[in-house]
Amino acid sequence: MTIHWMEEVEKRKDDLIHDLQRLLQIRSVRNEETASLDAPLGKEVKEALQFMLDLGEKDGFQTKNVDHLAGHIEFGEGGDLLGILCHVDVVPEGDGWSVDPFKGEIKDGKIFARGAIDDKGPTIAAYYAMKIVKELGLPLEKRVRMIIGTDEESDWRCVKHYFQKEEMPTIGFAPDADFPIIHAEKGICDFDFIQAKEWTDDEGASVQLLSFRSGRRYNMVPDFAEAKLVVQEGSTELIQQFQLYMKDHKLVGKAFIDNGELTLQLEGVSAHGMEPNNGRNAGIYLANFLSSFSLDRYGAHYVQWITDYFYEDSRGKKLGISYADDITGDVTLNVGKMEYKKGERGRIGVNMRYPVTFSYEEGMKTIHQKAQEEDFIVEVIDHSPPHHVAKDHELIQTLRHVYEQHTGDRSEPLAIGGATYARSLKSGVAFGALFPGREDVAHQKDEYMFIEDLLKATGIYAHAIYELAGKKS
């Protein structure tokens, strides 16, 4: 039986794009302010989950809402379960967009919106792939279930809660990364450095640091930083120095005085925390600038730590944890959250991603020792161990065969620093939807997905579902 997968996709192209635009128009950023018992991550996140479940119910799938934290859409029959793990939450849009980040505007063959590539576009592609297999009436020997998460960009509460209550798939894939296949994912740890000492006021300092803030998420490179200062004398000179610093480092920002306080603001470039070098960390640059002045002791302690251990070093060399392997590459450190307020202990939030052969215990021991030496303490916020599926596994071999048939590409499986839901499966890999050679614009302004890629991924997923779950003759 010959199935022309891309012809089936083309028949549904208009509906697919329309449904994707509707999903993209929901600003499903986690929002504790609108959270409630029936919307634990905020009303917009709930709306995005319910949109997908309503879509599935309308098209005749079995659906289930698991306490408004996750849900699933299912069809097929059999004892084994093929899982397709997606998420409908997105990171904040940030500033500097040239289009409405929640419209789903199409131009130049691309669809633009926050979540277009991470992960609403791939989610709709996988959904329509399921729909194609179902509508063709192809015989299956496994159940096929799309699992929809709502907190992938933050704490993974969704998938943790889901698997406490629901069945673990036998095999699965997550359309939340790159083609051809992601077979290995780094371990990820979020932790805070917290100032350990409580110093008394140092009013004699020529510059008092009142506050310092930068970043919202551990897994994003901060694109904005702000410091408020009281300068005893020489405010004009400090502002001039700031302007020179920005010029030398090709940065933009502004400085102004209000009610006797000098405010410095600096803009950087946001990027996904799995590769900090793809962005420009506004907080680190601002701390580096301030470290050259005679700040009060507590303020100086804070900005000096950031400068000494993270300025121009995202690989942990200065902390003594630099490491790399041939499977997943380097240790990386992203300073994603910086919060300081005079009279309180400052915090520096770090997202560490480490290779599959790295000793997490030894690495954290070194970090704790270094922090203690510099009057900081370490508080671990979250930790997810690395994930690795051997290249000769049957799941990987099947997906490689399907991908090669559609693209002619025989590339080897990849390893990444990001986290996909595949790591929550015993036998699971990430499978698309970013094609080789395409720019990774996840978490960046003007995020987009090529329409051509969206359709091609749909065809690949439909074929993969049939190969993994279809009855064997």
Foldseek 3Di string as FASTA:
>chain_A
DDDPLLVLLVVCLVVLLVLLQVLLLQQLAFDCVQADQQANRHDSLLVSQVSVQVVLVVLPWDKDCQSSFKIKTKDADADAEEEEEAESHFHDQDDDFPDAQRRQDDDPQWTWHGCFVQPSLVVSLLVVLVSSCVVVVFHWHHMYMYMYGRAQQAARPRVVSDVVPDDFGPEYAYAGDEPPWAFKAFKKWKKKWKFQDQDDDDVVFQKEWAKKKFFDGQFKQTFKIKTKMQGNDDPVVLQVLVVVLCVVVVWDWDWDDDPRIIMTMTGKFMDTNQDNVVIGRRRLSVLLSVCVGRYIPLSNLQSVVSPQQPVVDQQRVSLPQWDADPAAGTWGKHFRIWIDGPSGITMTMIMITHGLPGDPVVSVVSNQVVSVVSRIHMGIDDIDHMGGDDCPDPLNVLSLVLVCVLPVDNDGHHYGHDDDCQRVHPHYIYRHQHYPPDDDQNPGHRDIDRSVSSSSSSSSSSVSCCSVTGDDD
